[in-house]
């Protein structure tokens, strides 16, 4: 014989918690876009595409931070900004390393 759980809220939820209150909020879509662009900027920093992706990711993350309410989690927007900053920095470092390697190889000869 089937018995309902106490409280009548369904399986797995304690009494006093409704199913609608346990649903996570969808979050800010611009924060998600910032994270995706940040990851892409880090990966694509090996070629010249990482720099513009990082700049767009920084802008989207900053806009998402201003749109997120005080009670919501800002982790995704901050992560997107951090990754979006890391991509262009990595691009600049790799470009400077390549230029230095090229200069040394021309000085030392073949």
N, C-alpha and C. Protein backbone atom coordinates (compact mmCIF):
# COMPACT_ATOMS: atom_id res chain seq x y z
N UNK A 1 0.84 -1.17 0.00
CA UNK A 1 0.00 0.00 0.00
C UNK A 1 0.89 1.23 0.00
N UNK A 2 0.56 2.21 -0.84
CA UNK A 2 1.33 3.44 -1.01
C UNK A 2 0.95 4.47 0.05
N UNK A 3 1.97 5.03 0.70
CA UNK A 3 1.74 6.07 1.70
C UNK A 3 2.44 7.35 1.25
N UNK A 4 1.76 8.46 1.40
CA UNK A 4 2.34 9.76 1.08
C UNK A 4 3.34 10.15 2.17
N UNK A 5 4.41 10.83 1.81
CA UNK A 5 5.33 11.29 2.83
C UNK A 5 4.68 12.37 3.68
N UNK A 6 5.15 12.53 4.91
CA UNK A 6 4.55 13.55 5.78
C UNK A 6 4.71 14.94 5.18
N UNK A 7 3.69 15.73 5.29
CA UNK A 7 3.73 17.09 4.77
C UNK A 7 3.14 17.20 3.38
N UNK A 8 3.06 16.13 2.63
CA UNK A 8 2.45 16.13 1.32
C UNK A 8 3.21 16.91 0.26
N UNK A 9 4.51 17.06 0.41
CA UNK A 9 5.28 17.85 -0.54
C UNK A 9 5.98 17.01 -1.60
N UNK A 10 5.96 15.74 -1.50
CA UNK A 10 6.63 14.89 -2.48
C UNK A 10 7.82 14.20 -1.86
N UNK A 11 8.38 13.30 -2.62
CA UNK A 11 9.49 12.49 -2.13
C UNK A 11 10.76 13.32 -2.07
N UNK A 12 11.48 13.22 -0.98
CA UNK A 12 12.77 13.86 -0.86
C UNK A 12 12.77 15.28 -0.32
N UNK A 13 11.64 15.90 -0.13
CA UNK A 13 11.59 17.26 0.39
C UNK A 13 11.10 17.25 1.82
N UNK A 14 11.76 17.98 2.68
CA UNK A 14 11.32 18.02 4.08
C UNK A 14 10.04 18.83 4.22
N UNK A 15 9.30 18.59 5.29
CA UNK A 15 8.08 19.37 5.51
C UNK A 15 8.38 20.87 5.58
N UNK A 16 7.54 21.64 4.97
CA UNK A 16 7.72 23.09 4.96
C UNK A 16 8.46 23.62 3.75
N UNK A 17 8.96 22.73 2.89
CA UNK A 17 9.67 23.15 1.68
C UNK A 17 8.82 22.78 0.49
N UNK A 18 8.47 23.76 -0.31
CA UNK A 18 7.67 23.47 -1.50
C UNK A 18 8.59 23.17 -2.68
N UNK A 19 8.12 22.40 -3.65
CA UNK A 19 8.96 22.08 -4.82
C UNK A 19 9.40 23.31 -5.59
N UNK A 20 8.59 24.37 -5.61
CA UNK A 20 8.98 25.54 -6.38
C UNK A 20 10.12 26.30 -5.73
N UNK A 21 10.29 26.21 -4.41
CA UNK A 21 11.37 26.95 -3.75
C UNK A 21 12.70 26.23 -3.88
N UNK A 22 12.72 24.96 -4.28
CA UNK A 22 13.99 24.24 -4.41
C UNK A 22 14.58 24.36 -5.80
N UNK A 23 13.86 24.98 -6.74
CA UNK A 23 14.39 25.15 -8.08
C UNK A 23 15.45 26.24 -8.07
N UNK A 24 16.63 25.97 -8.67
CA UNK A 24 17.63 27.03 -8.71
C UNK A 24 17.25 28.10 -9.72
N UNK A 25 17.67 29.31 -9.45
CA UNK A 25 17.37 30.38 -10.40
C UNK A 25 18.23 30.18 -11.64
N UNK A 26 17.72 30.59 -12.80
CA UNK A 26 18.47 30.35 -14.03
C UNK A 26 19.76 31.14 -14.11
N UNK A 27 19.92 32.19 -13.34
CA UNK A 27 21.14 32.97 -13.37
C UNK A 27 21.11 34.01 -14.47
N UNK A 28 22.17 34.72 -14.56
CA UNK A 28 22.29 35.79 -15.55
C UNK A 28 22.92 35.22 -16.82
N UNK A 29 22.23 35.31 -17.96
CA UNK A 29 22.78 34.76 -19.19
C UNK A 29 24.06 35.45 -19.65
N UNK A 30 24.22 36.73 -19.32
CA UNK A 30 25.45 37.42 -19.70
C UNK A 30 26.65 36.89 -18.92
N UNK A 31 26.42 36.44 -17.67
CA UNK A 31 27.50 35.84 -16.89
C UNK A 31 27.94 34.52 -17.52
N UNK A 32 26.98 33.74 -17.97
CA UNK A 32 27.32 32.48 -18.65
C UNK A 32 28.08 32.76 -19.94
N UNK A 33 27.65 33.76 -20.69
CA UNK A 33 28.35 34.13 -21.93
C UNK A 33 29.77 34.59 -21.63
N UNK A 34 29.95 35.30 -20.53
CA UNK A 34 31.27 35.76 -20.13
C UNK A 34 32.19 34.59 -19.80
N UNK A 35 31.66 33.59 -19.11
CA UNK A 35 32.46 32.40 -18.78
C UNK A 35 32.85 31.66 -20.05
N UNK A 36 31.91 31.49 -20.96
CA UNK A 36 32.19 30.78 -22.21
C UNK A 36 33.24 31.53 -23.02
N UNK A 37 33.08 32.85 -23.15
CA UNK A 37 34.07 33.63 -23.89
C UNK A 37 35.42 33.66 -23.18
N UNK A 38 35.41 33.63 -21.85
CA UNK A 38 36.67 33.56 -21.11
C UNK A 38 37.42 32.27 -21.37
N UNK A 39 36.69 31.15 -21.37
CA UNK A 39 37.31 29.86 -21.66
C UNK A 39 37.84 29.85 -23.09
N UNK A 40 37.04 30.35 -24.02
CA UNK A 40 37.48 30.40 -25.41
C UNK A 40 38.69 31.32 -25.59
N UNK A 41 38.73 32.42 -24.86
CA UNK A 41 39.87 33.33 -25.00
C UNK A 41 41.16 32.71 -24.49
N UNK A 42 41.05 31.90 -23.43
CA UNK A 42 42.25 31.20 -22.93
C UNK A 42 42.70 30.16 -23.95
N UNK A 43 41.77 29.40 -24.48
CA UNK A 43 42.11 28.35 -25.44
C UNK A 43 42.62 28.96 -26.74
N UNK A 44 41.96 30.02 -27.19
CA UNK A 44 42.31 30.62 -28.48
C UNK A 44 43.43 31.65 -28.36
N UNK A 45 44.06 31.77 -27.20
CA UNK A 45 45.16 32.71 -27.05
C UNK A 45 46.40 32.25 -27.82
N UNK A 46 46.39 31.02 -28.29
CA UNK A 46 47.51 30.53 -29.09
C UNK A 46 47.50 31.13 -30.50
N UNK A 47 46.38 31.66 -30.92
CA UNK A 47 46.31 32.39 -32.18
C UNK A 47 45.72 33.77 -31.88
N UNK A 48 45.51 34.58 -32.86
CA UNK A 48 45.14 35.97 -32.62
C UNK A 48 43.68 36.18 -32.25
N UNK A 49 42.91 35.13 -32.05
CA UNK A 49 41.49 35.27 -31.74
C UNK A 49 41.26 35.46 -30.24
N UNK A 50 42.21 35.11 -29.41
CA UNK A 50 42.03 35.18 -27.96
C UNK A 50 41.86 36.58 -27.42
N UNK A 51 42.51 37.55 -28.04
CA UNK A 51 42.45 38.92 -27.55
C UNK A 51 41.05 39.53 -27.68
N UNK A 52 40.41 39.50 -28.84
CA UNK A 52 39.06 40.09 -28.91
C UNK A 52 38.01 39.32 -28.11
N UNK A 53 38.15 38.00 -28.02
CA UNK A 53 37.21 37.22 -27.22
C UNK A 53 37.32 37.60 -25.75
N UNK A 54 38.53 37.84 -25.28
CA UNK A 54 38.72 38.23 -23.90
C UNK A 54 38.13 39.60 -23.59
N UNK A 55 38.29 40.53 -24.52
CA UNK A 55 37.75 41.87 -24.31
C UNK A 55 36.23 41.82 -24.24
N UNK A 56 35.60 41.08 -25.14
CA UNK A 56 34.13 40.96 -25.12
C UNK A 56 33.68 40.24 -23.86
N UNK A 57 34.42 39.23 -23.42
CA UNK A 57 34.08 38.52 -22.19
C UNK A 57 34.16 39.41 -20.96
N UNK A 58 35.15 40.31 -20.93
CA UNK A 58 35.27 41.24 -19.81
C UNK A 58 34.07 42.18 -19.76
N UNK A 59 33.69 42.70 -20.93
CA UNK A 59 32.56 43.63 -20.99
C UNK A 59 31.27 42.92 -20.56
N UNK A 60 31.04 41.71 -21.07
CA UNK A 60 29.82 40.98 -20.70
C UNK A 60 29.80 40.64 -19.21
N UNK A 61 30.95 40.27 -18.66
CA UNK A 61 31.01 39.97 -17.23
C UNK A 61 30.74 41.20 -16.37
N UNK A 62 31.24 42.35 -16.80
CA UNK A 62 31.00 43.59 -16.05
C UNK A 62 29.53 43.99 -16.12
N UNK A 63 28.92 43.85 -17.28
CA UNK A 63 27.48 44.15 -17.41
C UNK A 63 26.66 43.18 -16.57
N UNK A 64 27.06 41.91 -16.56
CA UNK A 64 26.34 40.91 -15.74
C UNK A 64 26.45 41.24 -14.26
N UNK A 65 27.61 41.72 -13.82
CA UNK A 65 27.77 42.08 -12.40
C UNK A 65 26.85 43.23 -12.01
N UNK A 66 26.64 44.16 -12.92
CA UNK A 66 25.74 45.28 -12.59
C UNK A 66 24.29 44.85 -12.61
N UNK A 67 23.95 43.81 -13.38
CA UNK A 67 22.56 43.37 -13.47
C UNK A 67 22.18 42.37 -12.40
N UNK A 68 23.16 41.71 -11.78
CA UNK A 68 22.88 40.70 -10.75
C UNK A 68 22.46 41.41 -9.47
N UNK A 69 21.38 40.93 -8.89
CA UNK A 69 20.89 41.50 -7.64
C UNK A 69 21.81 41.11 -6.48
N UNK A 70 21.68 41.81 -5.39
CA UNK A 70 22.58 41.62 -4.26
C UNK A 70 22.48 40.21 -3.66
N UNK A 71 21.32 39.59 -3.68
CA UNK A 71 21.16 38.28 -3.08
C UNK A 71 21.63 37.14 -3.95
N UNK A 72 21.85 37.39 -5.23
CA UNK A 72 22.24 36.31 -6.14
C UNK A 72 23.74 36.09 -6.09
N UNK A 73 24.15 34.92 -6.54
CA UNK A 73 25.56 34.59 -6.58
C UNK A 73 26.24 35.31 -7.74
N UNK A 74 27.37 35.91 -7.46
CA UNK A 74 28.12 36.62 -8.49
C UNK A 74 29.31 35.81 -8.98
N UNK A 75 29.39 34.56 -8.56
CA UNK A 75 30.55 33.73 -8.85
C UNK A 75 30.77 33.55 -10.34
N UNK A 76 29.70 33.30 -11.08
CA UNK A 76 29.85 33.04 -12.50
C UNK A 76 30.36 34.28 -13.24
N UNK A 77 29.86 35.45 -12.90
CA UNK A 77 30.30 36.68 -13.56
C UNK A 77 31.76 36.98 -13.22
N UNK A 78 32.15 36.78 -11.97
CA UNK A 78 33.53 37.03 -11.57
C UNK A 78 34.47 36.03 -12.24
N UNK A 79 34.05 34.77 -12.34
CA UNK A 79 34.85 33.76 -13.03
C UNK A 79 35.01 34.11 -14.50
N UNK A 80 33.94 34.57 -15.13
CA UNK A 80 34.01 34.98 -16.53
C UNK A 80 34.97 36.13 -16.73
N UNK A 81 34.95 37.10 -15.83
CA UNK A 81 35.87 38.23 -15.94
C UNK A 81 37.32 37.76 -15.75
N UNK A 82 37.54 36.89 -14.77
CA UNK A 82 38.91 36.41 -14.50
C UNK A 82 39.46 35.63 -15.69
N UNK A 83 38.65 34.75 -16.26
CA UNK A 83 39.11 33.99 -17.42
C UNK A 83 39.29 34.89 -18.63
N UNK A 84 38.42 35.88 -18.76
CA UNK A 84 38.53 36.80 -19.90
C UNK A 84 39.75 37.70 -19.78
N UNK A 85 40.21 37.99 -18.58
CA UNK A 85 41.45 38.74 -18.39
C UNK A 85 42.66 37.83 -18.65
N UNK A 86 42.55 36.58 -18.22
CA UNK A 86 43.66 35.64 -18.39
C UNK A 86 43.96 35.38 -19.86
N UNK A 87 42.94 35.32 -20.71
CA UNK A 87 43.16 35.05 -22.13
C UNK A 87 44.04 36.07 -22.81
N UNK A 88 43.70 37.37 -22.77
CA UNK A 88 44.57 38.36 -23.39
C UNK A 88 45.97 38.46 -22.75
N UNK A 89 46.04 38.27 -21.42
CA UNK A 89 47.36 38.30 -20.77
C UNK A 89 48.21 37.16 -21.30
N UNK A 90 47.63 35.98 -21.40
CA UNK A 90 48.35 34.84 -21.95
C UNK A 90 48.76 35.08 -23.39
N UNK A 91 47.89 35.71 -24.17
CA UNK A 91 48.20 36.05 -25.56
C UNK A 91 49.40 36.99 -25.64
N UNK A 92 49.42 38.03 -24.81
CA UNK A 92 50.52 39.00 -24.82
C UNK A 92 51.82 38.33 -24.38
N UNK A 93 51.76 37.51 -23.35
CA UNK A 93 52.97 36.82 -22.87
C UNK A 93 53.51 35.89 -23.95
N UNK A 94 52.64 35.13 -24.59
CA UNK A 94 53.10 34.22 -25.65
C UNK A 94 53.65 34.99 -26.84
N UNK A 95 53.07 36.13 -27.17
CA UNK A 95 53.57 36.94 -28.28
C UNK A 95 54.95 37.51 -27.94
N UNK A 96 55.13 37.98 -26.72
CA UNK A 96 56.44 38.51 -26.31
C UNK A 96 57.48 37.38 -26.27
N UNK A 97 57.10 36.21 -25.80
CA UNK A 97 58.01 35.07 -25.79
C UNK A 97 58.42 34.69 -27.20
N UNK A 98 57.47 34.70 -28.13
CA UNK A 98 57.77 34.38 -29.52
C UNK A 98 58.69 35.40 -30.16
N UNK A 99 58.48 36.68 -29.86
CA UNK A 99 59.34 37.73 -30.40
C UNK A 99 60.75 37.61 -29.83
N UNK A 100 60.86 37.33 -28.53
CA UNK A 100 62.18 37.16 -27.92
C UNK A 100 62.89 35.94 -28.48
N UNK A 101 62.18 34.87 -28.67
CA UNK A 101 62.78 33.66 -29.24
C UNK A 101 63.26 33.91 -30.66
N UNK A 102 62.47 34.66 -31.42
CA UNK A 102 62.85 35.00 -32.79
C UNK A 102 64.09 35.89 -32.81
N UNK A 103 64.18 36.84 -31.90
CA UNK A 103 65.35 37.73 -31.84
C UNK A 103 66.60 36.95 -31.44
N UNK A 104 66.47 36.05 -30.46
CA UNK A 104 67.62 35.26 -30.05
C UNK A 104 68.08 34.30 -31.14
N UNK A 105 67.14 33.73 -31.84
CA UNK A 105 67.53 32.78 -32.88
C UNK A 105 68.22 33.49 -34.05
N UNK A 106 67.88 34.74 -34.32
CA UNK A 106 68.53 35.47 -35.40
C UNK A 106 69.92 35.94 -34.97
N UNK A 107 70.10 36.22 -33.68
CA UNK A 107 71.41 36.64 -33.17
C UNK A 107 72.38 35.46 -33.12
N UNK A 108 71.88 34.31 -32.67
CA UNK A 108 72.75 33.13 -32.53
C UNK A 108 73.04 32.47 -33.85
N UNK A 109 72.24 32.72 -34.85
CA UNK A 109 72.46 32.13 -36.17
C UNK A 109 71.82 30.77 -36.31
N UNK A 110 71.99 30.17 -37.49
CA UNK A 110 71.34 28.88 -37.74
C UNK A 110 71.95 27.74 -37.06
